[in-house]
Amino acid sequence: MHTIIPFTIDRYDDMLKAWQATPGIVLSSADDRDSITRYLHHLFVLPDQRNRGVGKRLVEAALSCLSIEGIEKSHIFVFNANESGKDFWNYIGWQERSDITIFSKFHNIGLVNNR
């Protein structure tokens, strides 16, 4: 059984190393230690721990916390090329939307890790 440990800023350096080592995670300076906010941000499960229900439990725990704060709807951003990520979100009941388009702009912010 896995234990879900809430992310706290004192774990940032360990998480940064894990994010950087995980294919499909793209980081920018918005992921800087001082920029972390209350988002479900870079949710991932290490490849050797996948298909064990860990990701689903992480999502359920996060949504439970959001529900306590009165947040009843959530969105997740998945890169188009991340087929395993899209499969995961579909599998746990999330619906892919085709009615919205996301626009982004970097404001002279370089990528920390461009995978």
Foldseek 3Di string as FASTA:
>chain_A
DDDDDDDDLVCLVVVVVVLQPDPQRWAWCCSPSVNDDLDPHPQDDPPVPPPPCPSVVVVVVSVVVVVVVVDDDDDDDGDPPPVVVVVVCVVSPDDDDPPDDDDDDDPPIDIPHDD
